[in-house]
Amino acid sequence: MGFERFIGIDYSGAKGPESRLPGLQVYQARPGGDPERMSPSVERAKNWSRREVTQFCQDALLTDEPSIIGIDHCFSLPLSYMERYGLNSWDVFLRDFMHHWPTHEDYNYVEFLREDNPRTGNSSEFRLCEKWTATAKSAFQFDMQGSVAKSTHAGLPWLLWLRQVSTARVHLWPFDGFDVPEGHSVIAEAYPALYKRRYDKEGRSADEHDAWSIAAWLRDADQRGILNKYFHPPLTLPEQKQARLEGWILGVC
């Protein structure tokens, strides 16, 4: 594909969008180089906030360098959720979700919004891509080790923000299609459990290694010429239609 930047983000749904979180990690690799830990631009700031990570992504996407960004949270919710609330496209879903889960607003924690929220689901609901893996958890499975529920509910409004400010040369995969146009940058859902055991941890924290592994796997798959294969999982036409609404984890085939 010929990407020039490979960015891995281990996400965190803790606290508010302005909070600096040790669990929020960003690594970036260049072709032929190892991933490097990226730090916030604010002087002496050690940890990122979700708002700053989104701005970092926007800045990367506005350059002339084709970049691919892998983010560790669900990019959508199960088909059962969409049918329950009459949501027939990803963009409609994102706007509806942000209305009911305004986790992009200062001091709005996911925990504050969970009680009596009219837009919710249960832990038995899975997307198709999660059914194709052995360990992926439901986006509604809160309060357990390895859960992505908080990260997902905190991160989805920022995807809408990136959707709205990105240029025409940014591809939200697979919602904009499974085919990635040449020279475009890509934002895709990543799942570090698929990649991280391939790489030695080398003293990194668990969150650091997750972000490092996403960036490293994207770099390796691109350099080996196999990344395009992962952009085209072996789905039937009905499954492709479902994945264009539910999203797909890059690397699940």
Protein backbone atom coordinates (compact mmCIF):
# COMPACT_ATOMS: atom_id res chain seq x y z
CA MET A 1 0.00 0.00 0.00
CA GLY A 2 2.95 2.33 0.60
CA PHE A 3 1.96 4.10 3.82
CA GLU A 4 4.54 6.48 5.27
CA ARG A 5 3.31 6.61 8.89
CA PHE A 6 1.98 3.74 11.01
CA ILE A 7 0.25 4.93 14.17
CA GLY A 8 -0.94 2.62 16.95
CA ILE A 9 -3.22 3.90 19.70
CA ASP A 10 -4.10 1.99 22.85
CA TYR A 11 -7.27 3.72 23.99
CA SER A 12 -8.72 4.43 27.43
CA GLY A 13 -12.28 5.29 28.41
CA ALA A 14 -11.40 6.42 31.94
CA LYS A 15 -12.45 9.77 33.35
CA GLY A 16 -13.22 12.69 31.01
CA PRO A 17 -11.95 13.78 27.57
CA GLU A 18 -9.67 16.41 29.10
CA SER A 19 -8.11 14.00 31.64
CA ARG A 20 -4.51 12.86 31.16
CA LEU A 21 -4.50 9.06 31.24
CA PRO A 22 -1.54 6.67 31.59
CA GLY A 23 -3.57 4.02 29.76
CA LEU A 24 -3.79 6.19 26.65
CA GLN A 25 -0.68 5.46 24.57
CA VAL A 26 0.41 6.52 21.08
CA TYR A 27 3.25 4.99 19.05
CA GLN A 28 4.34 5.83 15.53
CA ALA A 29 6.55 3.94 13.08
CA ARG A 30 8.08 4.85 9.76
CA PRO A 31 8.91 2.35 7.01
CA GLY A 32 11.92 0.32 8.14
CA GLY A 33 11.96 1.84 11.63
CA ASP A 34 10.76 0.73 15.04
CA PRO A 35 7.69 2.35 16.61
CA GLU A 36 8.49 5.32 18.83
CA ARG A 37 6.43 6.55 21.74
CA MET A 38 4.76 9.85 20.96
CA SER A 39 4.22 12.46 23.67
CA PRO A 40 1.68 15.28 23.93
CA SER A 41 2.75 18.63 22.52
CA VAL A 42 1.98 20.37 25.82
CA GLU A 43 5.24 21.11 27.62
CA ARG A 44 6.00 18.74 30.52
CA ALA A 45 2.81 16.76 29.94
CA LYS A 46 3.56 13.06 30.40
CA ASN A 47 0.21 11.55 29.45
CA TRP A 48 -2.31 12.17 26.70
CA SER A 49 -5.96 13.17 26.93
CA ARG A 50 -8.50 11.83 24.45
CA ARG A 51 -8.97 15.30 23.01
CA GLU A 52 -5.23 15.62 22.36
CA VAL A 53 -5.04 12.19 20.75
CA THR A 54 -7.84 13.17 18.37
CA GLN A 55 -6.00 16.37 17.47
CA PHE A 56 -2.82 14.35 16.89
CA CYS A 57 -4.74 12.08 14.52
CA GLN A 58 -6.21 15.04 12.68
CA ASP A 59 -2.78 16.62 12.24
CA ALA A 60 -1.40 13.34 10.86
CA LEU A 61 -4.30 13.01 8.43
CA LEU A 62 -3.90 16.56 7.12
CA THR A 63 -0.33 16.00 5.95
CA ASP A 64 0.60 14.85 2.44
CA GLU A 65 1.99 11.59 3.87
CA PRO A 66 -0.36 8.60 3.51
CA SER A 67 -0.82 7.34 7.07
CA ILE A 68 -2.64 4.46 8.67
CA ILE A 69 -3.98 4.80 12.20
CA GLY A 70 -5.06 1.75 14.23
CA ILE A 71 -7.19 2.53 17.30
CA ASP A 72 -8.04 -0.01 19.99
CA HIS A 73 -11.79 0.39 20.48
CA CYS A 74 -14.91 -0.66 18.60
CA PHE A 75 -15.79 1.67 15.73
CA SER A 76 -19.47 0.71 15.77
CA LEU A 77 -22.02 -1.44 17.57
CA PRO A 78 -23.83 -4.71 16.72
CA LEU A 79 -26.50 -5.00 14.06
CA SER A 80 -29.04 -5.85 16.77
CA TYR A 81 -28.44 -2.39 18.30
CA MET A 82 -28.88 -0.69 14.91
CA GLU A 83 -32.14 -2.52 14.24
CA ARG A 84 -33.46 -1.81 17.73
CA TYR A 85 -33.04 1.94 17.31
CA GLY A 86 -33.73 2.23 13.59
CA LEU A 87 -30.20 3.25 12.54
CA ASN A 88 -29.49 2.43 8.91
CA SER A 89 -26.02 3.89 8.27
CA TRP A 90 -22.79 4.40 10.17
CA ASP A 91 -22.96 8.18 9.91
CA VAL A 92 -26.52 8.21 11.23
CA PHE A 93 -25.41 5.91 14.05
CA LEU A 94 -22.49 8.17 15.03
CA ARG A 95 -24.67 11.27 15.23
CA ASP A 96 -27.31 9.43 17.24
CA PHE A 97 -24.69 7.95 19.55
CA MET A 98 -23.05 11.30 20.26
CA HIS A 99 -26.45 12.76 21.13
CA HIS A 100 -27.07 10.08 23.77
CA TRP A 101 -23.45 9.57 24.83
CA PRO A 102 -21.81 13.03 24.74
CA THR A 103 -18.55 11.69 26.15
CA HIS A 104 -16.61 14.31 24.14
CA GLU A 105 -17.84 17.04 26.47
CA ASP A 106 -15.61 18.15 29.35
CA TYR A 107 -16.06 16.27 32.63
CA ASN A 108 -18.50 13.79 31.09
CA TYR A 109 -17.42 10.34 32.23
CA VAL A 110 -18.83 7.18 30.68
CA GLU A 111 -19.90 6.13 34.16
CA PHE A 112 -21.99 9.29 34.56
CA LEU A 113 -23.95 8.53 31.39
CA ARG A 114 -24.63 4.83 31.90
CA GLU A 115 -27.52 5.11 34.33
CA ASP A 116 -30.93 5.08 32.59
CA ASN A 117 -29.34 5.78 29.20
CA PRO A 118 -31.92 5.05 26.45
CA ARG A 119 -29.23 3.86 24.01
CA THR A 120 -27.69 0.70 25.35
CA GLY A 121 -27.37 -3.06 24.92
CA ASN A 122 -26.34 -6.18 26.79
CA SER A 123 -23.18 -8.23 26.96
CA SER A 124 -24.65 -11.05 24.85
CA GLU A 125 -24.72 -8.82 21.76
CA PHE A 126 -21.74 -9.19 19.43
CA ARG A 127 -20.72 -7.86 16.04
CA LEU A 128 -19.90 -10.32 13.30
CA CYS A 129 -16.16 -9.61 13.54
CA GLU A 130 -16.25 -10.40 17.27
CA LYS A 131 -17.90 -13.73 16.54
CA TRP A 132 -14.95 -14.49 14.25
CA THR A 133 -12.46 -14.18 17.12
CA ALA A 134 -11.94 -16.22 20.27
CA THR A 135 -11.32 -13.41 22.74
CA ALA A 136 -13.05 -10.22 21.53
CA LYS A 137 -15.59 -8.90 24.03
CA SER A 138 -18.95 -7.23 23.55
CA ALA A 139 -18.98 -3.44 23.43
CA PHE A 140 -21.61 -3.60 26.18
CA GLN A 141 -19.54 -5.72 28.55
CA PHE A 142 -18.55 -3.18 31.19
CA ASP A 143 -16.70 -3.61 34.48
CA MET A 144 -14.33 -6.45 33.69
CA GLN A 145 -10.66 -6.94 32.86
CA GLY A 146 -9.94 -6.43 29.18
CA SER A 147 -13.27 -4.76 28.49
CA VAL A 148 -13.48 -2.35 25.55
CA ALA A 149 -16.90 -0.99 26.54
CA LYS A 150 -15.68 2.20 28.22
CA SER A 151 -13.09 2.87 25.53
CA THR A 152 -15.73 2.41 22.83
CA HIS A 153 -18.31 4.63 24.48
CA ALA A 154 -15.66 7.30 25.11
CA GLY A 155 -14.09 7.07 21.67
CA LEU A 156 -17.01 6.96 19.24
CA PRO A 157 -17.85 10.70 19.42
CA TRP A 158 -14.24 11.49 18.50
CA LEU A 159 -14.57 9.31 15.39
CA LEU A 160 -17.48 11.49 14.32
CA TRP A 161 -15.31 14.54 14.93
CA LEU A 162 -12.52 13.09 12.77
CA ARG A 163 -15.11 12.13 10.17
CA GLN A 164 -16.28 15.73 9.97
CA VAL A 165 -12.88 17.44 9.82
CA SER A 166 -11.01 14.95 7.62
CA THR A 167 -10.26 15.61 3.97
CA ALA A 168 -11.50 13.58 1.01
CA ARG A 169 -8.22 11.63 1.09
CA VAL A 170 -9.05 9.99 4.43
CA HIS A 171 -10.64 6.54 4.35
CA LEU A 172 -12.63 5.31 7.36
CA TRP A 173 -12.34 1.56 6.89
CA PRO A 174 -14.53 -0.36 6.12
CA PHE A 175 -17.36 2.20 6.31
CA ASP A 176 -16.07 3.99 3.21
CA GLY A 177 -15.60 0.63 1.49
CA PHE A 178 -13.20 -2.29 1.73
CA ASP A 179 -11.10 -0.96 -1.15
CA VAL A 180 -8.63 1.70 0.00
CA PRO A 181 -7.79 4.17 -2.79
CA GLU A 182 -4.10 4.62 -3.54
CA GLY A 183 -2.53 7.52 -1.66
CA HIS A 184 -5.28 7.79 0.92
CA SER A 185 -4.80 7.74 4.67
CA VAL A 186 -6.75 5.17 6.69
CA ILE A 187 -8.34 5.01 10.13
CA ALA A 188 -9.12 1.44 11.18
CA GLU A 189 -10.15 -0.50 14.25
CA ALA A 190 -7.28 -2.46 15.76
CA TYR A 191 -7.21 -5.26 18.31
CA PRO A 192 -3.74 -5.65 19.86
CA ALA A 193 -4.50 -9.16 21.17
CA LEU A 194 -4.17 -10.28 17.54
CA TYR A 195 -0.66 -8.89 17.14
CA LYS A 196 1.15 -8.33 20.41
CA ARG A 197 2.43 -11.85 21.12
CA ARG A 198 4.49 -11.67 17.93
CA TYR A 199 6.71 -9.03 19.50
CA ASP A 200 8.90 -9.02 22.62
CA LYS A 201 7.62 -6.65 25.28
CA GLU A 202 11.10 -5.26 26.08
CA GLY A 203 10.18 -3.41 29.26
CA ARG A 204 7.12 -1.62 27.93
CA SER A 205 3.99 -1.42 30.07
CA ALA A 206 0.95 -3.40 28.90
CA ASP A 207 -0.66 -0.27 27.41
CA GLU A 208 2.58 0.82 25.77
CA HIS A 209 3.11 -2.61 24.25
CA ASP A 210 -0.43 -2.70 22.88
CA ALA A 211 0.06 0.61 21.06
CA TRP A 212 3.60 -0.38 19.97
CA SER A 213 2.32 -3.70 18.60
CA ILE A 214 -0.43 -2.06 16.55
CA ALA A 215 2.08 0.27 14.90
CA ALA A 216 4.59 -2.55 14.36
CA TRP A 217 2.04 -4.92 12.84
CA LEU A 218 0.71 -2.26 10.46
CA ARG A 219 4.28 -1.49 9.38
CA ASP A 220 5.16 -5.17 8.90
CA ALA A 221 1.97 -6.03 7.01
CA ASP A 222 2.48 -3.08 4.69
CA GLN A 223 6.14 -3.84 4.04
CA ARG A 224 5.40 -7.51 3.34
CA GLY A 225 2.75 -6.54 0.83
CA ILE A 226 -0.06 -8.33 2.68
CA LEU A 227 -1.95 -5.43 4.23
CA ASN A 228 -4.35 -5.25 1.30
CA LYS A 229 -5.36 -8.85 2.04
CA TYR A 230 -6.52 -7.78 5.49
CA PHE A 231 -8.55 -4.95 3.96
CA HIS A 232 -10.56 -7.67 2.18
CA PRO A 233 -11.68 -10.32 4.71
CA PRO A 234 -13.46 -13.29 3.08
CA LEU A 235 -17.03 -12.09 3.58
CA THR A 236 -20.15 -12.87 1.60
CA LEU A 237 -22.04 -9.92 0.13
CA PRO A 238 -24.59 -9.90 3.02
CA GLU A 239 -21.69 -10.06 5.50
CA GLN A 240 -19.96 -7.16 3.74
CA LYS A 241 -23.14 -5.11 4.04
CA GLN A 242 -23.32 -5.92 7.74
CA ALA A 243 -19.67 -5.03 8.26
CA ARG A 244 -20.15 -1.68 6.50
CA LEU A 245 -22.56 -0.88 9.37
CA GLU A 246 -20.97 -2.75 12.30
CA GLY A 247 -17.32 -2.20 11.36
CA TRP A 248 -14.55 -4.76 11.24
CA ILE A 249 -11.34 -5.43 13.16
CA LEU A 250 -8.33 -5.10 10.86
CA GLY A 251 -6.51 -8.43 10.91
CA VAL A 252 -9.54 -10.68 11.46
CA CYS A 253 -9.84 -13.00 8.47
